[in-house]
Amino acid sequence: MTPELLGALDDLAASARPQIIAAVLVFLRIGAMAAVLPGFGEQIVPLRARLAVAVAFTLVVAPAAAPLLPEAPQTPPAFALLAATEAVAGLALGIGLRLFVMTLQTAGTMAAQATSLAQFFGGANADPQPAIAQVLVMGGLALAMLAGLHVRLAELMLMSYALMPPGEFARPSMLAEWGIARVSAAFSLAFRLAMPFVIISLLYNMTLGAINKAMPQLMVAFVGAPAITFAGLALLLLSAPLALPIWLEAFHAFIDDPTALP
């Protein structure tokens, strides 16, 4: 190469350095978030596909987020600190989103245990969870995708720069309070979604107890097992279209304001 060409390449690299560093920082935040995103970050999604999703979100978010980033760090320690804050911010928000998938899993597990369907198709799933939980998770993710999940996530990624500014670690006490509140809200929502199954289980066991008291010689367990199985499947058919929109509303409320404590 001629000295003129080398000099031109050096000038090009120097001029592009701030943009490259900004893109890398945005990718660190979005990559940490994308690793646990609902839908896009599922274990059944291939690793290369998840990487492609992170790169795609970076291409969308980076032009708008670049003015919000601080000046390019001049030393490796400064860059490492900035990179650490980006990764922590993305991972925290990603875990907050992942809790909504765990909410559906918890609700499905509670419903399956209440209706004696915990072992229904027990070994047919890739994930070690009851079939009802799998149905709720897949239904919830499909509903979120149909509601424009990719657009809402891009909005959240842009909003995150105002919530968690680059170069600043969130206070551990504040982050712990926020995390405990989100976990508590996840269990509360899961119990509300599974409430119909808990109620029908209570009524079923009370009825079996009364019948067993009146006719001790009757094997009520053999009579009641098919009934509770049919009732659980019928209740799933009726309640899932009502429960999933409630979950989606809570999911969108979190995206609108992740800092709001329930």
Protein backbone atom coordinates (compact mmCIF):
# COMPACT_ATOMS: atom_id res chain seq x y z
CA MET A 1 0.00 0.00 0.00
CA THR A 2 1.11 3.51 -0.71
CA PRO A 3 1.68 5.97 2.11
CA GLU A 4 -1.20 8.07 0.80
CA LEU A 5 -3.61 5.11 1.00
CA LEU A 6 -2.43 4.22 4.50
CA GLY A 7 -2.92 7.80 5.59
CA ALA A 8 -6.42 7.86 4.14
CA LEU A 9 -7.29 4.63 5.94
CA ASP A 10 -5.97 6.03 9.23
CA ASP A 11 -8.05 9.17 8.79
CA LEU A 12 -11.14 7.07 7.99
CA ALA A 13 -10.60 4.88 11.06
CA ALA A 14 -10.12 7.92 13.28
CA SER A 15 -13.29 9.58 11.99
CA ALA A 16 -15.34 6.39 12.33
CA ARG A 17 -14.02 5.51 15.79
CA PRO A 18 -16.75 7.36 17.77
CA GLN A 19 -19.52 5.75 15.70
CA ILE A 20 -18.01 2.28 16.09
CA ILE A 21 -17.64 2.66 19.85
CA ALA A 22 -21.22 3.96 20.11
CA ALA A 23 -22.52 0.97 18.13
CA VAL A 24 -20.55 -1.44 20.34
CA LEU A 25 -21.95 0.13 23.51
CA VAL A 26 -25.50 -0.04 22.19
CA PHE A 27 -24.94 -3.66 21.21
CA LEU A 28 -23.72 -4.50 24.72
CA ARG A 29 -26.92 -3.18 26.28
CA ILE A 30 -29.22 -4.70 23.69
CA GLY A 31 -27.29 -7.97 23.53
CA ALA A 32 -27.61 -8.49 27.28
CA MET A 33 -31.31 -7.71 27.05
CA ALA A 34 -31.87 -9.89 23.98
CA ALA A 35 -30.35 -12.91 25.71
CA VAL A 36 -33.41 -13.16 28.00
CA LEU A 37 -36.12 -11.41 25.98
CA PRO A 38 -39.54 -13.07 25.82
CA GLY A 39 -40.02 -14.73 22.46
CA PHE A 40 -36.71 -13.72 20.92
CA GLY A 41 -34.54 -15.06 23.76
CA GLU A 42 -36.21 -18.44 24.31
CA GLN A 43 -33.99 -21.49 24.65
CA ILE A 44 -35.62 -23.11 21.63
CA VAL A 45 -34.44 -20.19 19.46
CA PRO A 46 -30.99 -20.98 17.97
CA LEU A 47 -28.08 -18.97 19.30
CA ARG A 48 -27.30 -17.54 15.87
CA ALA A 49 -30.88 -16.37 15.50
CA ARG A 50 -30.71 -14.62 18.88
CA LEU A 51 -27.46 -12.96 17.84
CA ALA A 52 -29.09 -11.81 14.61
CA VAL A 53 -32.00 -10.37 16.63
CA ALA A 54 -29.56 -8.44 18.84
CA VAL A 55 -27.75 -7.05 15.78
CA ALA A 56 -31.06 -6.09 14.14
CA PHE A 57 -32.24 -4.23 17.25
CA THR A 58 -28.84 -2.53 17.46
CA LEU A 59 -29.17 -1.26 13.89
CA VAL A 60 -32.59 0.15 14.76
CA VAL A 61 -31.72 1.70 18.11
CA ALA A 62 -28.14 2.89 17.56
CA PRO A 63 -28.91 5.93 15.33
CA ALA A 64 -31.40 7.29 17.87
CA ALA A 65 -29.36 6.36 20.95
CA ALA A 66 -26.01 7.70 19.71
CA PRO A 67 -26.68 11.32 20.84
CA LEU A 68 -27.56 10.02 24.32
CA LEU A 69 -24.22 8.28 24.80
CA PRO A 70 -21.26 10.05 26.43
CA GLU A 71 -18.13 10.88 24.51
CA ALA A 72 -16.03 7.97 23.36
CA PRO A 73 -13.72 6.85 26.22
CA GLN A 74 -10.04 7.39 25.57
CA THR A 75 -8.63 4.71 27.88
CA PRO A 76 -9.38 0.98 28.25
CA PRO A 77 -10.50 1.28 31.92
CA ALA A 78 -12.98 4.01 30.98
CA PHE A 79 -14.34 1.88 28.16
CA ALA A 80 -14.60 -1.17 30.45
CA LEU A 81 -16.57 0.84 33.02
CA LEU A 82 -18.93 2.16 30.37
CA ALA A 83 -19.36 -1.31 28.87
CA ALA A 84 -20.15 -2.77 32.31
CA THR A 85 -22.88 -0.20 32.96
CA GLU A 86 -24.43 -0.94 29.57
CA ALA A 87 -24.46 -4.69 30.13
CA VAL A 88 -25.93 -4.37 33.64
CA ALA A 89 -28.67 -2.01 32.45
CA GLY A 90 -29.66 -4.29 29.59
CA LEU A 91 -29.62 -7.42 31.73
CA ALA A 92 -31.75 -5.80 34.46
CA LEU A 93 -34.45 -4.78 32.02
CA GLY A 94 -34.26 -8.14 30.24
CA ILE A 95 -34.81 -9.99 33.51
CA GLY A 96 -37.79 -7.74 34.24
CA LEU A 97 -39.31 -8.79 30.92
CA ARG A 98 -38.40 -12.46 31.44
CA LEU A 99 -40.39 -12.45 34.69
CA PHE A 100 -43.58 -12.18 32.65
CA VAL A 101 -42.79 -15.48 30.92
CA MET A 102 -42.12 -17.01 34.33
CA THR A 103 -45.51 -15.65 35.43
CA LEU A 104 -47.25 -17.73 32.78
CA GLN A 105 -45.14 -20.76 33.71
CA THR A 106 -46.02 -20.35 37.39
CA ALA A 107 -49.72 -19.85 36.63
CA GLY A 108 -49.76 -22.95 34.43
CA THR A 109 -47.98 -25.02 37.08
CA MET A 110 -50.44 -23.89 39.76
CA ALA A 111 -53.38 -24.69 37.48
CA ALA A 112 -51.95 -28.12 36.63
CA GLN A 113 -51.32 -29.00 40.26
CA ALA A 114 -54.81 -27.85 41.26
CA THR A 115 -56.55 -29.95 38.61
CA SER A 116 -54.33 -33.05 38.76
CA LEU A 117 -52.93 -32.34 35.28
CA ALA A 118 -49.32 -31.80 36.34
CA GLN A 119 -48.28 -35.08 34.67
CA PHE A 120 -50.53 -34.67 31.63
CA PHE A 121 -48.25 -35.22 28.61
CA GLY A 122 -45.45 -34.98 31.16
CA GLY A 123 -42.52 -36.02 28.97
CA ALA A 124 -43.70 -34.54 25.68
CA ASN A 125 -42.32 -31.04 26.20
CA ALA A 126 -38.81 -29.76 25.70
CA ASP A 127 -39.07 -27.74 28.92
CA PRO A 128 -39.67 -29.48 32.26
CA GLN A 129 -43.06 -27.90 32.90
CA PRO A 130 -46.69 -29.06 32.76
CA ALA A 131 -48.55 -28.96 29.47
CA ILE A 132 -50.90 -26.21 30.73
CA ALA A 133 -47.90 -23.98 31.46
CA GLN A 134 -46.53 -24.67 28.00
CA VAL A 135 -49.87 -23.77 26.41
CA LEU A 136 -50.10 -20.51 28.36
CA VAL A 137 -46.51 -19.54 27.54
CA MET A 138 -46.88 -20.21 23.83
CA GLY A 139 -50.24 -18.47 23.74
CA GLY A 140 -48.94 -15.45 25.62
CA LEU A 141 -45.87 -15.10 23.41
CA ALA A 142 -47.98 -15.46 20.27
CA LEU A 143 -50.36 -12.78 21.53
CA ALA A 144 -47.45 -10.47 22.35
CA MET A 145 -45.97 -10.98 18.88
CA LEU A 146 -49.29 -10.20 17.25
CA ALA A 147 -49.50 -7.02 19.36
CA GLY A 148 -46.19 -5.75 17.94
CA LEU A 149 -43.68 -7.02 20.47
CA HIS A 150 -40.68 -6.00 18.34
CA VAL A 151 -41.89 -2.40 18.15
CA ARG A 152 -42.59 -2.18 21.88
CA LEU A 153 -39.18 -3.64 22.69
CA ALA A 154 -37.46 -1.08 20.47
CA GLU A 155 -39.35 1.66 22.34
CA LEU A 156 -38.22 0.20 25.67
CA MET A 157 -34.61 0.02 24.51
CA LEU A 158 -34.67 3.70 23.60
CA MET A 159 -36.44 4.61 26.84
CA SER A 160 -33.85 2.69 28.84
CA TYR A 161 -31.22 5.36 28.15
CA ALA A 162 -33.30 7.85 30.11
CA LEU A 163 -34.04 5.36 32.89
CA MET A 164 -30.47 4.04 33.21
CA PRO A 165 -28.01 6.59 31.78
CA PRO A 166 -24.81 5.16 30.29
CA GLY A 167 -21.80 5.26 32.58
CA GLU A 168 -23.88 5.16 35.79
CA PHE A 169 -24.56 2.06 37.82
CA ALA A 170 -27.99 1.87 39.45
CA ARG A 171 -27.90 2.05 43.23
CA PRO A 172 -27.94 -1.51 44.65
CA SER A 173 -30.66 -0.63 47.17
CA MET A 174 -32.90 0.80 44.46
CA LEU A 175 -32.25 -2.12 42.14
CA ALA A 176 -32.98 -4.61 44.93
CA GLU A 177 -36.23 -2.86 45.83
CA TRP A 178 -37.26 -2.82 42.18
CA GLY A 179 -36.38 -6.50 41.71
CA ILE A 180 -38.28 -7.62 44.82
CA ALA A 181 -41.33 -5.62 43.72
CA ARG A 182 -41.23 -7.15 40.24
CA VAL A 183 -40.92 -10.71 41.58
CA SER A 184 -43.78 -10.06 44.00
CA ALA A 185 -45.92 -8.69 41.17
CA ALA A 186 -45.09 -11.73 39.03
CA PHE A 187 -46.31 -14.17 41.69
CA SER A 188 -49.40 -12.05 42.36
CA LEU A 189 -50.30 -12.00 38.67
CA ALA A 190 -49.66 -15.74 38.37
CA PHE A 191 -52.00 -16.45 41.26
CA ARG A 192 -54.71 -14.26 39.73
CA LEU A 193 -54.40 -16.06 36.40
CA ALA A 194 -54.61 -19.46 38.10
CA MET A 195 -57.42 -18.45 40.49
CA PRO A 196 -60.25 -20.21 38.54
CA PHE A 197 -58.36 -23.50 38.71
CA VAL A 198 -57.71 -23.08 42.44
CA ILE A 199 -61.39 -22.38 43.05
CA ILE A 200 -62.58 -25.39 41.06
CA SER A 201 -60.02 -27.55 42.87
CA LEU A 202 -61.36 -26.38 46.23
CA LEU A 203 -64.94 -27.12 45.21
CA TYR A 204 -63.91 -30.51 43.84
CA ASN A 205 -62.15 -31.57 47.02
CA MET A 206 -65.00 -30.33 49.22
CA THR A 207 -67.50 -32.27 47.10
CA LEU A 208 -65.41 -35.43 47.23
CA GLY A 209 -65.12 -35.06 51.00
CA ALA A 210 -68.88 -34.74 51.41
CA ILE A 211 -69.55 -37.73 49.13
CA ASN A 212 -66.94 -39.83 50.93
CA LYS A 213 -68.51 -38.92 54.26
CA ALA A 214 -71.97 -39.92 53.04
CA MET A 215 -70.84 -43.13 51.28
CA PRO A 216 -67.55 -44.38 52.76
CA GLN A 217 -67.68 -47.57 50.69
CA LEU A 218 -67.63 -45.66 47.38
CA MET A 219 -64.20 -45.13 45.81
CA VAL A 220 -64.70 -41.43 45.18
CA ALA A 221 -61.17 -40.93 43.85
CA PHE A 222 -61.85 -43.17 40.87
CA VAL A 223 -65.13 -41.37 40.18
CA GLY A 224 -63.74 -37.88 40.65
CA ALA A 225 -60.44 -38.17 38.73
CA PRO A 226 -62.05 -38.12 35.25
CA ALA A 227 -64.34 -35.31 36.36
CA ILE A 228 -61.54 -33.01 37.54
CA THR A 229 -59.50 -33.80 34.42
CA PHE A 230 -62.38 -32.85 32.13
CA ALA A 231 -63.20 -29.78 34.26
CA GLY A 232 -59.58 -28.62 34.15
CA LEU A 233 -59.35 -28.91 30.36
CA ALA A 234 -62.73 -27.24 29.89
CA LEU A 235 -61.76 -24.43 32.25
CA LEU A 236 -58.50 -23.94 30.35
CA LEU A 237 -60.49 -23.60 27.13
CA LEU A 238 -62.75 -20.98 28.69
CA SER A 239 -60.29 -19.05 30.85
CA ALA A 240 -57.21 -18.81 28.62
CA PRO A 241 -58.80 -16.29 26.19
CA LEU A 242 -59.65 -14.12 29.21
CA ALA A 243 -56.43 -14.58 31.18
CA LEU A 244 -53.93 -13.92 28.40
CA PRO A 245 -55.20 -10.37 27.64
CA ILE A 246 -54.84 -9.58 31.36
CA TRP A 247 -51.25 -10.78 31.20
CA LEU A 248 -50.62 -8.79 28.01
CA GLU A 249 -51.97 -5.63 29.63
CA ALA A 250 -49.58 -6.03 32.56
CA PHE A 251 -46.74 -6.75 30.13
CA HIS A 252 -47.41 -3.56 28.16
CA ALA A 253 -47.73 -1.57 31.39
CA PHE A 254 -44.22 -2.68 32.34
CA ILE A 255 -42.87 -1.64 28.94
CA ASP A 256 -44.56 1.76 29.28
CA ASP A 257 -42.99 2.39 32.68
CA PRO A 258 -40.51 -0.22 33.94
CA THR A 259 -39.78 1.77 37.10
CA ALA A 260 -43.38 1.79 38.35
CA LEU A 261 -43.64 -0.34 41.47
CA PRO A 262 -46.84 -2.43 41.57
